[in-house]
Amino acid sequence: QVRLVESGGGLVQPGGSLRLSCAASGSIISIYDMGWFRQAPGKQRELVATITKGGSTNYADSVKDRFTISRDNNKATMYLQMNSLKPEDTAVYSCNADIRVDFATRNRYWGQGTQVTVSS
């Protein structure tokens, strides 16, 4: 019914940039908070950044001043602009969203994730 699809991942050298997208589709009434998470091999999943429906943002300390989260509510799409990438940013990045699908149903949804590899 509802699907989140990430795109934009890939291989980039240290100091490079990538722009991730997360597109939501399906029978959606409203999308509330959204966020990007990441998980590196052998590490627990961590929150990267969040953005509310109104555009308020929060970032993990490790990505502040380098990453920018944004959203286009008309397109039901969220973005993560990643600059000055470091090897430690290497991880699978996943999209998460709080979505109302009908009057009585509101759940959090996950995308499949997109691989970001920062290496020379």
Protein backbone atom coordinates (compact mmCIF):
# COMPACT_ATOMS: atom_id res chain seq x y z
CA GLN A 1 0.00 0.00 0.00
CA VAL A 2 2.69 2.48 1.03
CA ARG A 3 6.23 2.29 -0.24
CA LEU A 4 9.37 4.29 0.40
CA VAL A 5 12.13 4.04 -2.18
CA GLU A 6 15.62 5.45 -1.69
CA SER A 7 17.93 6.39 -4.52
CA GLY A 8 21.17 8.25 -5.09
CA GLY A 9 23.66 6.07 -3.26
CA GLY A 10 26.95 5.01 -4.74
CA LEU A 11 30.72 5.13 -4.50
CA VAL A 12 32.39 8.46 -3.87
CA GLN A 13 35.87 9.59 -2.85
CA PRO A 14 36.51 11.28 0.50
CA GLY A 15 35.52 14.92 0.28
CA GLY A 16 32.94 14.22 -2.39
CA SER A 17 29.18 14.70 -2.37
CA LEU A 18 26.04 12.65 -2.88
CA ARG A 19 22.37 13.52 -2.86
CA LEU A 20 19.96 10.86 -1.60
CA SER A 21 16.25 10.84 -2.34
CA CYS A 22 13.38 9.05 -0.64
CA ALA A 23 10.12 8.94 -2.54
CA ALA A 24 6.89 7.88 -0.85
CA SER A 25 4.03 6.43 -2.85
CA GLY A 26 0.70 4.73 -2.27
CA SER A 27 -2.52 5.70 -0.56
CA ILE A 28 -1.15 8.43 1.69
CA ILE A 29 -3.24 10.86 3.66
CA SER A 30 -0.41 12.70 5.36
CA ILE A 31 3.30 12.34 6.09
CA TYR A 32 4.51 13.59 9.45
CA ASP A 33 8.11 13.31 10.65
CA MET A 34 10.65 11.79 8.29
CA GLY A 35 14.24 10.83 8.82
CA TRP A 36 17.39 9.24 7.49
CA PHE A 37 19.12 6.41 9.32
CA ARG A 38 22.32 4.59 8.52
CA GLN A 39 23.96 1.34 9.51
CA ALA A 40 27.56 0.37 8.90
CA PRO A 41 28.81 -3.24 9.07
CA GLY A 42 29.30 -4.32 12.66
CA LYS A 43 27.63 -1.22 14.06
CA GLN A 44 24.16 -0.43 15.31
CA ARG A 45 21.80 1.66 13.24
CA GLU A 46 21.99 5.35 14.02
CA LEU A 47 19.83 8.35 13.34
CA VAL A 48 21.39 10.74 10.84
CA ALA A 49 18.82 13.50 10.51
CA THR A 50 15.12 14.19 10.93
CA ILE A 51 12.69 16.68 9.47
CA THR A 52 9.16 17.49 10.56
CA LYS A 53 6.21 18.16 8.29
CA GLY A 54 6.80 21.86 8.86
CA GLY A 55 10.49 21.67 8.01
CA SER A 56 12.19 21.69 11.42
CA THR A 57 15.42 19.69 11.32
CA ASN A 58 17.79 17.87 13.65
CA TYR A 59 21.14 16.27 12.91
CA ALA A 60 23.49 13.83 14.51
CA ASP A 61 26.63 15.57 15.75
CA SER A 62 28.74 13.54 13.35
CA VAL A 63 27.06 15.05 10.27
CA LYS A 64 26.28 18.59 11.37
CA ASP A 65 27.56 21.24 8.95
CA ARG A 66 28.09 18.60 6.26
CA PHE A 67 24.64 17.09 5.60
CA THR A 68 21.37 18.85 4.83
CA ILE A 69 17.97 17.20 5.08
CA SER A 70 14.99 18.61 3.19
CA ARG A 71 11.58 17.58 1.91
CA ASP A 72 9.07 18.45 -0.77
CA ASN A 73 5.63 17.72 0.62
CA ASN A 74 3.95 18.17 -2.75
CA LYS A 75 6.16 15.44 -4.20
CA ALA A 76 6.12 13.32 -1.03
CA THR A 77 9.89 13.18 -1.28
CA MET A 78 12.71 13.69 1.20
CA TYR A 79 16.33 14.43 0.40
CA LEU A 80 19.71 14.22 2.08
CA GLN A 81 22.48 16.34 0.61
CA MET A 82 25.79 14.94 1.81
CA ASN A 83 28.93 17.02 1.40
CA SER A 84 32.52 16.57 2.55
CA LEU A 85 31.98 12.85 2.82
CA LYS A 86 34.29 10.80 5.00
CA PRO A 87 35.09 7.08 5.00
CA GLU A 88 33.22 6.78 8.29
CA ASP A 89 30.04 7.86 6.47
CA THR A 90 30.06 4.52 4.64
CA ALA A 91 26.80 2.72 5.45
CA VAL A 92 23.42 1.67 4.18
CA TYR A 93 21.19 4.72 4.38
CA SER A 94 17.49 4.11 4.98
CA CYS A 95 14.47 6.35 4.81
CA ASN A 96 11.85 6.34 7.55
CA ALA A 97 8.52 8.14 7.65
CA ASP A 98 5.52 8.50 9.91
CA ILE A 99 2.54 8.18 7.58
CA ARG A 100 -1.22 8.27 7.95
CA VAL A 101 -2.86 5.98 5.40
CA ASP A 102 -6.48 6.33 6.55
CA PHE A 103 -8.52 7.83 9.34
CA ALA A 104 -7.51 5.22 11.92
CA THR A 105 -4.12 4.06 10.69
CA ARG A 106 -0.81 5.81 11.25
CA ASN A 107 2.47 3.87 11.12
CA ARG A 108 6.17 4.24 10.53
CA TYR A 109 7.50 2.88 7.23
CA TRP A 110 10.98 1.96 6.05
CA GLY A 111 12.59 1.93 2.66
CA GLN A 112 14.94 -0.83 1.52
CA GLY A 113 18.02 1.33 1.88
CA THR A 114 20.73 2.57 -0.44
CA GLN A 115 24.45 1.89 -0.11
CA VAL A 116 26.84 4.80 0.32
CA THR A 117 30.52 3.97 0.10
CA VAL A 118 33.19 6.60 0.71
CA SER A 119 36.59 5.30 -0.27
CA SER A 120 39.72 6.31 -2.12
